[in-house]
Amino acid sequence: MDTVVSHEPFTDRLLFHELVHVVQYEKLGLEGFASKYVRGFLSGGSYDGIPLEMNAYELDARFAGAPEKVFSVADEVSKVDSCWQVLMLWRTFHEFNTGNLIAG
């Protein structure tokens, strides 16, 4: 895919944010990205609660605050993916222990 659609003007920060999603997609694959995005929305309760969006906003803020500072988006995305896995394990454990285990 090589198209970005936005309801706001394109800025360096917005493009950086969208490129974070490109890296997330590359690292997670279609199924992993889609699953994490939807599960993040359902468990977070809103767009702002989606961990993939939170990660992209954190990194675009970091970029906007100090564009001269170089950092690896791929490394940062990998850290978030590891945290996501721990969160999902905890959530499953918690739901199992409280009798609220949801399949999926």
Foldseek 3Di string as FASTA:
>chain_A
DPDDDDPDDDDPLVVQLVVLVVLLCVVQPPVRSVVQQVVQCVVLVHNCRRLSSVLSVVVSVVCVVCVPDDDDSNVSSVVSVVVVVVVVVVVQVVCVVVVNHDDD
